[in-house]
Amino acid sequence: MGTLVRFTSVAAALVILTAAARSQDTKEEKIAPDKLPAKVADAVKARFPGAEFTSVTKETTDGKVVYDIELTLKGRKYEMDIQEDGTVLEVEKQVDLKDVPADLARTVEAKFPKAKIVEIMEVNKVTGKVEKPDHYEVNIETADGKKMELEISLDGKTVIK
């Protein structure tokens, strides 16, 4: 019986280590906006004409390339995730606290008393040309000064992660 338990424990540990190794198979590289593939640059320009790039990162996970692009337009921050072929996967838009459900602030306060909400981004999943709000990413600074990012449901009531 002891051998079976040890074997099962070792097998479980290998599964966990393999999963951890795969999740770390992401390579990130900062690049200049003028080094974006034409299809990616065109997708940004089509969605946000006149925007200024603030950061461009090329992320490769399991051989798939996605560009994480941060930009500003008319004083508002935006982020986009775009595949190499120009397919837009996600668009994030900076929003004000007054423009989200009141429950969002209450949820943050309940989970992290006295935390300060630093930034709220509305995360929209994109299918074709249709953007659909999915959740909020809320950057906070806790009472003890730690910076954290929370994912909160659209109704503001649930911390997803």
C-alpha atoms as a PDB file:
ATOM      1  CA  MET A   1       0.000   0.000   0.000  1.00  0.00           C
ATOM      2  CA  GLY A   2       2.858   2.435   0.860  1.00  0.00           C
ATOM      3  CA  THR A   3       4.396   2.014  -2.602  1.00  0.00           C
ATOM      4  CA  LEU A   4       1.095   2.864  -4.297  1.00  0.00           C
ATOM      5  CA  VAL A   5       0.745   6.042  -2.208  1.00  0.00           C
ATOM      6  CA  ARG A   6       4.324   7.111  -3.023  1.00  0.00           C
ATOM      7  CA  PHE A   7       3.819   6.359  -6.723  1.00  0.00           C
ATOM      8  CA  THR A   8       0.577   8.353  -6.793  1.00  0.00           C
ATOM      9  CA  SER A   9       2.255  11.262  -4.976  1.00  0.00           C
ATOM     10  CA  VAL A  10       5.186  11.287  -7.402  1.00  0.00           C
ATOM     11  CA  ALA A  11       2.848  11.093 -10.409  1.00  0.00           C
ATOM     12  CA  ALA A  12       0.753  13.976  -9.060  1.00  0.00           C
ATOM     13  CA  ALA A  13       3.891  16.051  -8.461  1.00  0.00           C
ATOM     14  CA  LEU A  14       5.054  15.439 -12.039  1.00  0.00           C
ATOM     15  CA  VAL A  15       1.690  16.539 -13.424  1.00  0.00           C
ATOM     16  CA  ILE A  16       1.846  19.744 -11.372  1.00  0.00           C
ATOM     17  CA  LEU A  17       5.447  20.477 -12.386  1.00  0.00           C
ATOM     18  CA  THR A  18       4.662  19.846 -16.053  1.00  0.00           C
ATOM     19  CA  ALA A  19       1.666  22.215 -15.916  1.00  0.00           C
ATOM     20  CA  ALA A  20       3.792  24.862 -14.186  1.00  0.00           C
ATOM     21  CA  ALA A  21       6.527  24.515 -16.821  1.00  0.00           C
ATOM     22  CA  ARG A  22       3.986  24.900 -19.632  1.00  0.00           C
ATOM     23  CA  SER A  23       2.459  28.003 -18.059  1.00  0.00           C
ATOM     24  CA  GLN A  24       5.950  29.530 -17.956  1.00  0.00           C
ATOM     25  CA  ASP A  25       6.427  28.900 -21.698  1.00  0.00           C
ATOM     26  CA  THR A  26       5.622  32.545 -22.391  1.00  0.00           C
ATOM     27  CA  LYS A  27       8.256  34.828 -23.826  1.00  0.00           C
ATOM     28  CA  GLU A  28       7.755  38.598 -23.716  1.00  0.00           C
ATOM     29  CA  GLU A  29       9.689  41.151 -25.704  1.00  0.00           C
ATOM     30  CA  LYS A  30       9.248  44.929 -25.748  1.00  0.00           C
ATOM     31  CA  ILE A  31       9.304  46.266 -29.284  1.00  0.00           C
ATOM     32  CA  ALA A  32       9.058  49.663 -30.948  1.00  0.00           C
ATOM     33  CA  PRO A  33       5.669  50.527 -32.472  1.00  0.00           C
ATOM     34  CA  ASP A  34       7.284  50.896 -35.917  1.00  0.00           C
ATOM     35  CA  LYS A  35       8.326  47.220 -35.704  1.00  0.00           C
ATOM     36  CA  LEU A  36       4.719  45.974 -35.546  1.00  0.00           C
ATOM     37  CA  PRO A  37       3.578  43.746 -38.414  1.00  0.00           C
ATOM     38  CA  ALA A  38       1.511  45.774 -40.896  1.00  0.00           C
ATOM     39  CA  LYS A  39      -1.697  43.838 -40.139  1.00  0.00           C
ATOM     40  CA  VAL A  40      -1.359  44.543 -36.414  1.00  0.00           C
ATOM     41  CA  ALA A  41      -0.590  48.242 -36.955  1.00  0.00           C
ATOM     42  CA  ASP A  42      -3.537  48.510 -39.360  1.00  0.00           C
ATOM     43  CA  ALA A  43      -5.878  46.947 -36.769  1.00  0.00           C
ATOM     44  CA  VAL A  44      -4.793  49.528 -34.170  1.00  0.00           C
ATOM     45  CA  LYS A  45      -5.176  52.437 -36.609  1.00  0.00           C
ATOM     46  CA  ALA A  46      -8.611  51.218 -37.728  1.00  0.00           C
ATOM     47  CA  ARG A  47      -9.900  51.041 -34.146  1.00  0.00           C
ATOM     48  CA  PHE A  48      -8.055  54.045 -32.668  1.00  0.00           C
ATOM     49  CA  PRO A  49      -7.026  56.516 -35.398  1.00  0.00           C
ATOM     50  CA  GLY A  50      -4.591  59.087 -34.051  1.00  0.00           C
ATOM     51  CA  ALA A  51      -3.767  57.192 -30.866  1.00  0.00           C
ATOM     52  CA  GLU A  52      -0.296  57.391 -29.331  1.00  0.00           C
ATOM     53  CA  PHE A  53       1.489  54.161 -28.470  1.00  0.00           C
ATOM     54  CA  THR A  54       2.769  54.003 -24.881  1.00  0.00           C
ATOM     55  CA  SER A  55       3.948  50.373 -24.840  1.00  0.00           C
ATOM     56  CA  VAL A  56       4.144  47.448 -27.249  1.00  0.00           C
ATOM     57  CA  THR A  57       4.967  43.933 -26.106  1.00  0.00           C
ATOM     58  CA  LYS A  58       5.260  40.850 -28.292  1.00  0.00           C
ATOM     59  CA  GLU A  59       4.178  37.806 -26.306  1.00  0.00           C
ATOM     60  CA  THR A  60       4.824  34.280 -27.546  1.00  0.00           C
ATOM     61  CA  THR A  61       3.027  31.452 -25.753  1.00  0.00           C
ATOM     62  CA  ASP A  62       3.295  27.894 -27.055  1.00  0.00           C
ATOM     63  CA  GLY A  63       4.339  29.250 -30.451  1.00  0.00           C
ATOM     64  CA  LYS A  64       1.389  31.681 -30.738  1.00  0.00           C
ATOM     65  CA  VAL A  65       2.207  35.385 -30.997  1.00  0.00           C
ATOM     66  CA  VAL A  66      -0.012  38.096 -29.529  1.00  0.00           C
ATOM     67  CA  TYR A  67       0.837  41.782 -29.370  1.00  0.00           C
ATOM     68  CA  ASP A  68      -0.120  43.580 -26.168  1.00  0.00           C
ATOM     69  CA  ILE A  69      -0.482  47.226 -27.101  1.00  0.00           C
ATOM     70  CA  GLU A  70      -1.050  50.121 -24.717  1.00  0.00           C
ATOM     71  CA  LEU A  71      -2.061  53.501 -26.087  1.00  0.00           C
ATOM     72  CA  THR A  72      -3.717  56.780 -25.279  1.00  0.00           C
ATOM     73  CA  LEU A  73      -6.305  58.728 -27.228  1.00  0.00           C
ATOM     74  CA  LYS A  74      -7.791  62.042 -26.117  1.00  0.00           C
ATOM     75  CA  GLY A  75      -6.464  61.557 -22.586  1.00  0.00           C
ATOM     76  CA  ARG A  76      -7.923  58.079 -22.127  1.00  0.00           C
ATOM     77  CA  LYS A  77      -5.877  54.885 -21.810  1.00  0.00           C
ATOM     78  CA  TYR A  78      -6.623  51.843 -23.976  1.00  0.00           C
ATOM     79  CA  GLU A  79      -5.064  48.412 -24.352  1.00  0.00           C
ATOM     80  CA  MET A  80      -5.413  45.862 -27.141  1.00  0.00           C
ATOM     81  CA  ASP A  81      -4.416  42.229 -27.600  1.00  0.00           C
ATOM     82  CA  ILE A  82      -3.937  41.454 -31.286  1.00  0.00           C
ATOM     83  CA  GLN A  83      -2.785  38.280 -33.027  1.00  0.00           C
ATOM     84  CA  GLU A  84      -0.048  38.390 -35.688  1.00  0.00           C
ATOM     85  CA  ASP A  85      -2.657  38.207 -38.460  1.00  0.00           C
ATOM     86  CA  GLY A  86      -4.388  41.387 -37.208  1.00  0.00           C
ATOM     87  CA  THR A  87      -7.230  39.638 -35.352  1.00  0.00           C
ATOM     88  CA  VAL A  88      -8.234  41.745 -32.352  1.00  0.00           C
ATOM     89  CA  LEU A  89      -8.885  39.538 -29.307  1.00  0.00           C
ATOM     90  CA  GLU A  90      -9.501  42.091 -26.592  1.00  0.00           C
ATOM     91  CA  VAL A  91      -9.906  45.840 -26.095  1.00  0.00           C
ATOM     92  CA  GLU A  92      -9.604  47.469 -22.688  1.00  0.00           C
ATOM     93  CA  LYS A  93     -10.890  50.977 -22.031  1.00  0.00           C
ATOM     94  CA  GLN A  94     -10.100  53.149 -19.052  1.00  0.00           C
ATOM     95  CA  VAL A  95     -13.292  54.137 -17.215  1.00  0.00           C
ATOM     96  CA  ASP A  96     -14.044  56.397 -14.276  1.00  0.00           C
ATOM     97  CA  LEU A  97     -15.357  55.106 -10.978  1.00  0.00           C
ATOM     98  CA  LYS A  98     -18.552  57.122 -11.513  1.00  0.00           C
ATOM     99  CA  ASP A  99     -19.203  55.124 -14.698  1.00  0.00           C
ATOM    100  CA  VAL A 100     -19.156  51.637 -13.134  1.00  0.00           C
ATOM    101  CA  PRO A 101     -21.699  49.970 -10.837  1.00  0.00           C
ATOM    102  CA  ALA A 102     -21.555  51.325  -7.259  1.00  0.00           C
ATOM    103  CA  ASP A 103     -21.163  47.735  -6.054  1.00  0.00           C
ATOM    104  CA  LEU A 104     -17.654  47.655  -7.523  1.00  0.00           C
ATOM    105  CA  ALA A 105     -16.288  50.115  -4.936  1.00  0.00           C
ATOM    106  CA  ARG A 106     -18.166  48.312  -2.160  1.00  0.00           C
ATOM    107  CA  THR A 107     -16.721  44.971  -3.287  1.00  0.00           C
ATOM    108  CA  VAL A 108     -13.171  46.344  -3.255  1.00  0.00           C
ATOM    109  CA  GLU A 109     -13.718  47.933   0.185  1.00  0.00           C
ATOM    110  CA  ALA A 110     -15.144  44.687   1.607  1.00  0.00           C
ATOM    111  CA  LYS A 111     -12.214  42.603   0.377  1.00  0.00           C
ATOM    112  CA  PHE A 112      -9.475  45.224   0.909  1.00  0.00           C
ATOM    113  CA  PRO A 113     -10.531  47.770   3.549  1.00  0.00           C
ATOM    114  CA  LYS A 114      -9.115  51.257   2.997  1.00  0.00           C
ATOM    115  CA  ALA A 115      -7.666  50.320  -0.403  1.00  0.00           C
ATOM    116  CA  LYS A 116      -7.427  53.051  -3.013  1.00  0.00           C
ATOM    117  CA  ILE A 117      -8.758  52.364  -6.505  1.00  0.00           C
ATOM    118  CA  VAL A 118      -6.017  53.579  -8.835  1.00  0.00           C
ATOM    119  CA  GLU A 119      -7.413  52.612 -12.243  1.00  0.00           C
ATOM    120  CA  ILE A 120     -10.377  50.785 -13.755  1.00  0.00           C
ATOM    121  CA  MET A 121     -10.291  49.197 -17.203  1.00  0.00           C
ATOM    122  CA  GLU A 122     -13.385  47.761 -18.873  1.00  0.00           C
ATOM    123  CA  VAL A 123     -12.279  44.558 -20.599  1.00  0.00           C
ATOM    124  CA  ASN A 124     -14.094  43.782 -23.840  1.00  0.00           C
ATOM    125  CA  LYS A 125     -13.753  40.480 -25.682  1.00  0.00           C
ATOM    126  CA  VAL A 126     -13.794  40.890 -29.446  1.00  0.00           C
ATOM    127  CA  THR A 127     -15.411  38.587 -31.966  1.00  0.00           C
ATOM    128  CA  GLY A 128     -15.065  39.875 -35.502  1.00  0.00           C
ATOM    129  CA  LYS A 129     -15.860  43.574 -35.162  1.00  0.00           C
ATOM    130  CA  VAL A 130     -18.127  43.163 -32.141  1.00  0.00           C
ATOM    131  CA  GLU A 131     -16.805  44.188 -28.726  1.00  0.00           C
ATOM    132  CA  LYS A 132     -18.626  42.736 -25.743  1.00  0.00           C
ATOM    133  CA  PRO A 133     -17.904  43.870 -22.180  1.00  0.00           C
ATOM    134  CA  ASP A 134     -16.617  40.918 -20.143  1.00  0.00           C
ATOM    135  CA  HIS A 135     -15.325  42.228 -16.783  1.00  0.00           C
ATOM    136  CA  TYR A 136     -13.371  45.028 -15.123  1.00  0.00           C
ATOM    137  CA  GLU A 137      -9.679  45.045 -14.290  1.00  0.00           C
ATOM    138  CA  VAL A 138      -9.254  47.160 -11.182  1.00  0.00           C
ATOM    139  CA  ASN A 139      -5.829  48.284 -10.055  1.00  0.00           C
ATOM    140  CA  ILE A 140      -5.706  49.081  -6.357  1.00  0.00           C
ATOM    141  CA  GLU A 141      -3.233  50.115  -3.726  1.00  0.00           C
ATOM    142  CA  THR A 142      -3.938  48.394  -0.418  1.00  0.00           C
ATOM    143  CA  ALA A 143      -3.797  50.139   2.955  1.00  0.00           C
ATOM    144  CA  ASP A 144      -0.286  48.730   3.448  1.00  0.00           C
ATOM    145  CA  GLY A 145       0.908  50.050   0.069  1.00  0.00           C
ATOM    146  CA  LYS A 146       0.759  46.865  -2.027  1.00  0.00           C
ATOM    147  CA  LYS A 147      -0.310  47.254  -5.644  1.00  0.00           C
ATOM    148  CA  MET A 148      -2.736  44.639  -6.955  1.00  0.00           C
ATOM    149  CA  GLU A 149      -4.900  43.976  -9.983  1.00  0.00           C
ATOM    150  CA  LEU A 150      -8.364  42.528  -9.437  1.00  0.00           C
ATOM    151  CA  GLU A 151     -10.785  41.166 -11.998  1.00  0.00           C
ATOM    152  CA  ILE A 152     -14.338  42.088 -11.038  1.00  0.00           C
ATOM    153  CA  SER A 153     -17.613  41.057 -12.663  1.00  0.00           C
ATOM    154  CA  LEU A 154     -19.581  43.575 -14.731  1.00  0.00           C
ATOM    155  CA  ASP A 155     -22.185  43.950 -11.986  1.00  0.00           C
ATOM    156  CA  GLY A 156     -19.364  44.889  -9.590  1.00  0.00           C
ATOM    157  CA  LYS A 157     -20.343  42.255  -7.043  1.00  0.00           C
ATOM    158  CA  THR A 158     -17.786  39.469  -7.549  1.00  0.00           C
ATOM    159  CA  VAL A 159     -14.003  39.347  -7.523  1.00  0.00           C
ATOM    160  CA  ILE A 160     -13.142  36.850 -10.243  1.00  0.00           C
ATOM    161  CA  LYS A 161      -9.411  36.766  -9.533  1.00  0.00           C
END
